[in-house]
Each structure stands twice: as structure tokens, then as C-alpha cells.
Amino acid sequence: MPAQPTGRFQPPDVRRRQILDAVAAQLLEDGYEALTISKVAARAGVAKGTVYLYFASKQELLAALQAEMWALMLEAPAALLDRPELSWAERLDGLVAAWVSAEREHEELYHRLFHELGAAGEEPMDQARDLLVTILTEGHGAGEFDVADPGLTADFLTHAYAGPCHHAPDTDVTAAVQTLFRRVVAARP
């Protein structure tokens, strides 16, 4: 297997990742107002023109980071819907695990990308809530959950899971939050 190029000769996917990592670090360190293409390029160790080869503007850089956050919040949990061998409670557990992981690992970046920047349109949690409504509705229909109002229950759970992550940042709260979700929906074994 040939060695990976180093220095200025990087495959496009590696270079794109370096640039996005630099944007995230710069955003977290200095905030949106201080974020510039020049600073991102310097932090990524590339020329300013290289950044423009991948992203046309500061807004495109931020949109790419937002898209990655969407994927963290939605892709794995959504894929659980297509796994008929799983119970609805197991699908709910998978959704919780993905959310807790994203919250613990990317809480400040998420906040900067979707709350401080005032992103247009929905944020990942809006669609994540809709995904939860689907799981609750289907689980109720299958007789696994006792959920009279899936929308209200999803609103409650969507906001409730972040608290334990925030207040116990050095503790893995995944199993505890999964248990609480199961209790709220009266999951049957």
C-alpha cells in the first residue's frame, strides 16, 4: 500500500477535513465575527487560495460544518428505522446514544453553529424531534410504548436529554438517559 502524501500534497478528502477542523477550532476559539478565511487557512496550514478551492465563502465553510452536525444527529438514528430486527425500544436506545454522544462531544460547536449564528431554517434538533415522533408513534402502534401524545412526549424528551449531558460532562450518562426515555414512554420489555 502506498504511503499517504504529506505536507502540501494531500488527497482532497484529507485537505477538506483539515480545513473544516480548522474552521471548527477557530470558531470555538474566537467566535464567528473573528472568523476569516485567512485565519482558517493559517490554522489548517494551507494557502488562502486552497480554502477557496473547497469553499467559496465563510458561509459555505459554516454550512459544511452544520451539515456534519446534521449527520451526527440524524443519520445513525434514522438508519435504525430500517432495522426490523430491532424492537422500538432498541431503536429509541440507539437514538438516545447518538444524541448523547453528539451533545457530549460537540455541545459548544453545536451551540455556536445553530444558536449564535442564527442559522436560517431548521436546525438538526427540529428534524431529530420529528424522527423521535416517528419512533414513538410506531412504537405505540406496535404496542411497545404507551404514548398518548407522541408530539408532546417528543418535545419533552428532546429537551430533557441535554440536561444530564450538561450537568455531568465527565460521566457517561447514556444508559441512564436511555432508561429515563424508556420510562417516559412506558416501554414494555
C-alpha atoms as a PDB file:
ATOM      1  CA  MET A   1       0.000   0.000   0.000  1.00  0.00           C
ATOM      2  CA  PRO A   2       1.493   3.366  -0.987  1.00  0.00           C
ATOM      3  CA  ALA A   3       2.286   5.860   1.746  1.00  0.00           C
ATOM      4  CA  GLN A   4      -0.122   8.769   2.272  1.00  0.00           C
ATOM      5  CA  PRO A   5       1.205  12.018   0.871  1.00  0.00           C
ATOM      6  CA  THR A   6       2.354  14.503   3.478  1.00  0.00           C
ATOM      7  CA  GLY A   7       2.852  18.242   3.553  1.00  0.00           C
ATOM      8  CA  ARG A   8       1.244  20.157   0.761  1.00  0.00           C
ATOM      9  CA  PHE A   9       0.275  17.057  -1.234  1.00  0.00           C
ATOM     10  CA  GLN A  10      -2.863  15.775   0.446  1.00  0.00           C
ATOM     11  CA  PRO A  11      -5.829  13.943  -1.065  1.00  0.00           C
ATOM     12  CA  PRO A  12      -8.894  16.200  -1.405  1.00  0.00           C
ATOM     13  CA  ASP A  13     -10.816  14.472   1.401  1.00  0.00           C
ATOM     14  CA  VAL A  14      -7.903  14.908   3.824  1.00  0.00           C
ATOM     15  CA  ARG A  15      -7.441  18.549   2.835  1.00  0.00           C
ATOM     16  CA  ARG A  16     -11.186  19.245   3.200  1.00  0.00           C
ATOM     17  CA  ARG A  17     -11.128  17.663   6.663  1.00  0.00           C
ATOM     18  CA  GLN A  18      -8.130  19.790   7.688  1.00  0.00           C
ATOM     19  CA  ILE A  19      -9.943  22.921   6.588  1.00  0.00           C
ATOM     20  CA  LEU A  20     -13.175  22.029   8.394  1.00  0.00           C
ATOM     21  CA  ASP A  21     -11.289  21.109  11.564  1.00  0.00           C
ATOM     22  CA  ALA A  22      -9.554  24.486  11.384  1.00  0.00           C
ATOM     23  CA  VAL A  23     -12.905  26.276  10.952  1.00  0.00           C
ATOM     24  CA  ALA A  24     -14.373  24.484  13.977  1.00  0.00           C
ATOM     25  CA  ALA A  25     -11.341  25.255  16.139  1.00  0.00           C
ATOM     26  CA  GLN A  26     -11.264  28.895  15.046  1.00  0.00           C
ATOM     27  CA  LEU A  27     -14.999  29.304  15.604  1.00  0.00           C
ATOM     28  CA  LEU A  28     -14.739  27.849  19.104  1.00  0.00           C
ATOM     29  CA  GLU A  29     -11.678  29.904  19.958  1.00  0.00           C
ATOM     30  CA  ASP A  30     -12.583  33.317  18.559  1.00  0.00           C
ATOM     31  CA  GLY A  31     -16.254  33.222  17.575  1.00  0.00           C
ATOM     32  CA  TYR A  32     -17.980  33.971  14.296  1.00  0.00           C
ATOM     33  CA  GLU A  33     -17.124  37.648  13.991  1.00  0.00           C
ATOM     34  CA  ALA A  34     -13.367  36.969  14.171  1.00  0.00           C
ATOM     35  CA  LEU A  35     -13.530  34.004  11.783  1.00  0.00           C
ATOM     36  CA  THR A  36     -11.806  34.749   8.474  1.00  0.00           C
ATOM     37  CA  ILE A  37     -10.661  32.650   5.531  1.00  0.00           C
ATOM     38  CA  SER A  38      -7.101  33.830   6.207  1.00  0.00           C
ATOM     39  CA  LYS A  39      -7.189  32.586   9.810  1.00  0.00           C
ATOM     40  CA  VAL A  40      -8.712  29.280   8.723  1.00  0.00           C
ATOM     41  CA  ALA A  41      -6.024  28.820   6.078  1.00  0.00           C
ATOM     42  CA  ALA A  42      -3.249  29.575   8.547  1.00  0.00           C
ATOM     43  CA  ARG A  43      -4.684  27.191  11.122  1.00  0.00           C
ATOM     44  CA  ALA A  44      -5.107  24.429   8.508  1.00  0.00           C
ATOM     45  CA  GLY A  45      -1.588  25.022   7.200  1.00  0.00           C
ATOM     46  CA  VAL A  46      -2.708  25.809   3.666  1.00  0.00           C
ATOM     47  CA  ALA A  47      -2.758  28.833   1.397  1.00  0.00           C
ATOM     48  CA  LYS A  48      -5.848  31.023   1.445  1.00  0.00           C
ATOM     49  CA  GLY A  49      -6.484  30.061  -2.193  1.00  0.00           C
ATOM     50  CA  THR A  50      -6.603  26.401  -1.200  1.00  0.00           C
ATOM     51  CA  VAL A  51      -9.505  27.108   1.133  1.00  0.00           C
ATOM     52  CA  TYR A  52     -11.320  28.782  -1.771  1.00  0.00           C
ATOM     53  CA  LEU A  53     -10.770  25.678  -3.912  1.00  0.00           C
ATOM     54  CA  TYR A  54     -13.000  23.800  -1.486  1.00  0.00           C
ATOM     55  CA  PHE A  55     -15.313  26.506  -0.154  1.00  0.00           C
ATOM     56  CA  ALA A  56     -16.405  29.701  -1.911  1.00  0.00           C
ATOM     57  CA  SER A  57     -17.068  31.685   1.260  1.00  0.00           C
ATOM     58  CA  LYS A  58     -17.131  31.808   5.027  1.00  0.00           C
ATOM     59  CA  GLN A  59     -20.837  30.918   4.810  1.00  0.00           C
ATOM     60  CA  GLU A  60     -20.028  27.754   2.821  1.00  0.00           C
ATOM     61  CA  LEU A  61     -17.498  26.741   5.477  1.00  0.00           C
ATOM     62  CA  LEU A  62     -20.119  27.125   8.184  1.00  0.00           C
ATOM     63  CA  ALA A  63     -22.759  25.348   6.111  1.00  0.00           C
ATOM     64  CA  ALA A  64     -20.406  22.379   5.723  1.00  0.00           C
ATOM     65  CA  LEU A  65     -19.913  22.210   9.499  1.00  0.00           C
ATOM     66  CA  GLN A  66     -23.659  22.471  10.024  1.00  0.00           C
ATOM     67  CA  ALA A  67     -24.191  19.606   7.564  1.00  0.00           C
ATOM     68  CA  GLU A  68     -21.770  17.456   9.536  1.00  0.00           C
ATOM     69  CA  MET A  69     -23.673  18.210  12.732  1.00  0.00           C
ATOM     70  CA  TRP A  70     -26.920  17.232  10.990  1.00  0.00           C
ATOM     71  CA  ALA A  71     -25.344  13.904  10.088  1.00  0.00           C
ATOM     72  CA  LEU A  72     -24.283  13.268  13.692  1.00  0.00           C
ATOM     73  CA  MET A  73     -27.772  13.964  14.988  1.00  0.00           C
ATOM     74  CA  LEU A  74     -29.777  12.214  12.283  1.00  0.00           C
ATOM     75  CA  GLU A  75     -28.043   9.615  10.114  1.00  0.00           C
ATOM     76  CA  ALA A  76     -27.410   6.799  12.587  1.00  0.00           C
ATOM     77  CA  PRO A  77     -30.771   7.174  14.366  1.00  0.00           C
ATOM     78  CA  ALA A  78     -32.641   7.369  11.043  1.00  0.00           C
ATOM     79  CA  ALA A  79     -30.918   4.198   9.839  1.00  0.00           C
ATOM     80  CA  LEU A  80     -32.389   2.384  12.852  1.00  0.00           C
ATOM     81  CA  LEU A  81     -35.859   2.798  11.346  1.00  0.00           C
ATOM     82  CA  ASP A  82     -34.855   0.373   8.593  1.00  0.00           C
ATOM     83  CA  ARG A  83     -33.788  -2.363  11.017  1.00  0.00           C
ATOM     84  CA  PRO A  84     -36.885  -4.537  11.560  1.00  0.00           C
ATOM     85  CA  GLU A  85     -34.929  -6.956  13.762  1.00  0.00           C
ATOM     86  CA  LEU A  86     -34.737  -4.237  16.431  1.00  0.00           C
ATOM     87  CA  SER A  87     -37.550  -3.531  18.834  1.00  0.00           C
ATOM     88  CA  TRP A  88     -38.816   0.035  19.004  1.00  0.00           C
ATOM     89  CA  ALA A  89     -37.210   0.334  22.444  1.00  0.00           C
ATOM     90  CA  GLU A  90     -33.854  -0.661  20.919  1.00  0.00           C
ATOM     91  CA  ARG A  91     -34.329   1.940  18.208  1.00  0.00           C
ATOM     92  CA  LEU A  92     -35.128   4.512  20.884  1.00  0.00           C
ATOM     93  CA  ASP A  93     -31.957   3.475  22.750  1.00  0.00           C
ATOM     94  CA  GLY A  94     -29.927   3.963  19.566  1.00  0.00           C
ATOM     95  CA  LEU A  95     -31.355   7.417  19.045  1.00  0.00           C
ATOM     96  CA  VAL A  96     -30.509   8.364  22.633  1.00  0.00           C
ATOM     97  CA  ALA A  97     -26.960   7.033  22.286  1.00  0.00           C
ATOM     98  CA  ALA A  98     -26.372   9.120  19.143  1.00  0.00           C
ATOM     99  CA  TRP A  99     -27.804  12.272  20.693  1.00  0.00           C
ATOM    100  CA  VAL A 100     -25.903  11.937  23.966  1.00  0.00           C
ATOM    101  CA  SER A 101     -22.684  11.294  22.079  1.00  0.00           C
ATOM    102  CA  ALA A 102     -23.166  14.340  19.841  1.00  0.00           C
ATOM    103  CA  GLU A 103     -24.131  16.502  22.814  1.00  0.00           C
ATOM    104  CA  ARG A 104     -21.129  15.478  24.884  1.00  0.00           C
ATOM    105  CA  GLU A 105     -18.598  15.716  22.085  1.00  0.00           C
ATOM    106  CA  HIS A 106     -19.853  18.790  20.239  1.00  0.00           C
ATOM    107  CA  GLU A 107     -22.039  20.820  22.590  1.00  0.00           C
ATOM    108  CA  GLU A 108     -20.201  24.144  22.228  1.00  0.00           C
ATOM    109  CA  LEU A 109     -19.758  23.813  18.461  1.00  0.00           C
ATOM    110  CA  TYR A 110     -23.455  22.929  18.065  1.00  0.00           C
ATOM    111  CA  HIS A 111     -24.417  25.975  20.102  1.00  0.00           C
ATOM    112  CA  ARG A 112     -22.183  28.254  18.031  1.00  0.00           C
ATOM    113  CA  LEU A 113     -23.365  26.838  14.701  1.00  0.00           C
ATOM    114  CA  PHE A 114     -27.098  26.856  15.348  1.00  0.00           C
ATOM    115  CA  HIS A 115     -27.805  29.325  18.112  1.00  0.00           C
ATOM    116  CA  GLU A 116     -25.191  32.067  17.971  1.00  0.00           C
ATOM    117  CA  LEU A 117     -25.161  32.246  14.179  1.00  0.00           C
ATOM    118  CA  GLY A 118     -28.936  32.273  13.893  1.00  0.00           C
ATOM    119  CA  ALA A 119     -28.916  29.681  11.119  1.00  0.00           C
ATOM    120  CA  ALA A 120     -31.722  30.006   8.639  1.00  0.00           C
ATOM    121  CA  GLY A 121     -34.304  27.253   8.627  1.00  0.00           C
ATOM    122  CA  GLU A 122     -34.454  24.236  10.819  1.00  0.00           C
ATOM    123  CA  GLU A 123     -31.623  23.008  12.939  1.00  0.00           C
ATOM    124  CA  PRO A 124     -30.825  19.326  13.423  1.00  0.00           C
ATOM    125  CA  MET A 125     -32.885  19.064  16.607  1.00  0.00           C
ATOM    126  CA  ASP A 126     -36.030  20.012  14.710  1.00  0.00           C
ATOM    127  CA  GLN A 127     -35.640  17.023  12.409  1.00  0.00           C
ATOM    128  CA  ALA A 128     -34.323  14.888  15.254  1.00  0.00           C
ATOM    129  CA  ARG A 129     -37.532  15.647  17.149  1.00  0.00           C
ATOM    130  CA  ASP A 130     -39.529  14.551  14.094  1.00  0.00           C
ATOM    131  CA  LEU A 131     -37.528  11.323  13.993  1.00  0.00           C
ATOM    132  CA  LEU A 132     -38.339  10.754  17.658  1.00  0.00           C
ATOM    133  CA  VAL A 133     -42.042  11.348  16.953  1.00  0.00           C
ATOM    134  CA  THR A 134     -41.855   8.624  14.293  1.00  0.00           C
ATOM    135  CA  ILE A 135     -40.218   6.174  16.707  1.00  0.00           C
ATOM    136  CA  LEU A 136     -42.765   6.947  19.426  1.00  0.00           C
ATOM    137  CA  THR A 137     -45.722   6.681  17.039  1.00  0.00           C
ATOM    138  CA  GLU A 138     -44.529   3.404  15.526  1.00  0.00           C
ATOM    139  CA  GLY A 139     -43.590   2.002  18.943  1.00  0.00           C
ATOM    140  CA  HIS A 140     -47.028   2.903  20.265  1.00  0.00           C
ATOM    141  CA  GLY A 141     -48.675   1.344  17.221  1.00  0.00           C
ATOM    142  CA  ALA A 142     -46.665  -1.851  17.765  1.00  0.00           C
ATOM    143  CA  GLY A 143     -47.820  -1.967  21.397  1.00  0.00           C
ATOM    144  CA  GLU A 144     -44.325  -1.415  22.800  1.00  0.00           C
ATOM    145  CA  PHE A 145     -44.914   2.117  24.120  1.00  0.00           C
ATOM    146  CA  ASP A 146     -47.796   3.808  25.919  1.00  0.00           C
ATOM    147  CA  VAL A 147     -47.640   7.304  24.428  1.00  0.00           C
ATOM    148  CA  ALA A 148     -50.909   9.222  24.202  1.00  0.00           C
ATOM    149  CA  ASP A 149     -49.332  12.263  22.519  1.00  0.00           C
ATOM    150  CA  PRO A 150     -46.124  11.446  20.593  1.00  0.00           C
ATOM    151  CA  GLY A 151     -45.536  15.103  19.684  1.00  0.00           C
ATOM    152  CA  LEU A 152     -45.720  16.405  23.244  1.00  0.00           C
ATOM    153  CA  THR A 153     -43.666  13.470  24.514  1.00  0.00           C
ATOM    154  CA  ALA A 154     -41.032  14.105  21.847  1.00  0.00           C
ATOM    155  CA  ASP A 155     -40.890  17.788  22.805  1.00  0.00           C
ATOM    156  CA  PHE A 156     -40.301  16.819  26.411  1.00  0.00           C
ATOM    157  CA  LEU A 157     -37.662  14.203  25.633  1.00  0.00           C
ATOM    158  CA  THR A 158     -35.883  16.305  23.014  1.00  0.00           C
ATOM    159  CA  HIS A 159     -35.236  18.982  25.609  1.00  0.00           C
ATOM    160  CA  ALA A 160     -34.710  16.665  28.571  1.00  0.00           C
ATOM    161  CA  TYR A 161     -31.786  14.596  27.317  1.00  0.00           C
ATOM    162  CA  ALA A 162     -29.329  17.522  27.210  1.00  0.00           C
ATOM    163  CA  GLY A 163     -29.562  18.304  30.931  1.00  0.00           C
ATOM    164  CA  PRO A 164     -27.724  15.212  32.182  1.00  0.00           C
ATOM    165  CA  CYS A 165     -25.070  15.697  29.470  1.00  0.00           C
ATOM    166  CA  HIS A 166     -24.525  19.286  30.523  1.00  0.00           C
ATOM    167  CA  HIS A 167     -24.556  18.704  34.276  1.00  0.00           C
ATOM    168  CA  ALA A 168     -22.418  15.549  34.214  1.00  0.00           C
ATOM    169  CA  PRO A 169     -19.921  16.228  31.413  1.00  0.00           C
ATOM    170  CA  ASP A 170     -17.342  13.777  32.781  1.00  0.00           C
ATOM    171  CA  THR A 171     -19.801  10.917  33.220  1.00  0.00           C
ATOM    172  CA  ASP A 172     -21.251   8.645  30.560  1.00  0.00           C
ATOM    173  CA  VAL A 173     -24.958   9.171  31.110  1.00  0.00           C
ATOM    174  CA  THR A 174     -26.110   7.216  28.056  1.00  0.00           C
ATOM    175  CA  ALA A 175     -27.570   4.202  29.901  1.00  0.00           C
ATOM    176  CA  ALA A 176     -29.283   6.396  32.496  1.00  0.00           C
ATOM    177  CA  VAL A 177     -30.868   8.606  29.822  1.00  0.00           C
ATOM    178  CA  GLN A 178     -31.964   5.540  27.841  1.00  0.00           C
ATOM    179  CA  THR A 179     -33.649   4.207  30.997  1.00  0.00           C
ATOM    180  CA  LEU A 180     -35.409   7.527  31.554  1.00  0.00           C
ATOM    181  CA  PHE A 181     -36.632   7.641  27.955  1.00  0.00           C
ATOM    182  CA  ARG A 182     -37.977   4.106  28.272  1.00  0.00           C
ATOM    183  CA  ARG A 183     -39.784   5.021  31.493  1.00  0.00           C
ATOM    184  CA  VAL A 184     -41.371   8.122  29.966  1.00  0.00           C
ATOM    185  CA  VAL A 185     -42.787   6.094  27.075  1.00  0.00           C
ATOM    186  CA  ALA A 186     -43.718   3.161  29.340  1.00  0.00           C
ATOM    187  CA  ALA A 187     -41.672   0.793  27.187  1.00  0.00           C
ATOM    188  CA  ARG A 188     -42.693  -2.815  27.531  1.00  0.00           C
ATOM    189  CA  PRO A 189     -39.942  -5.448  27.560  1.00  0.00           C
END
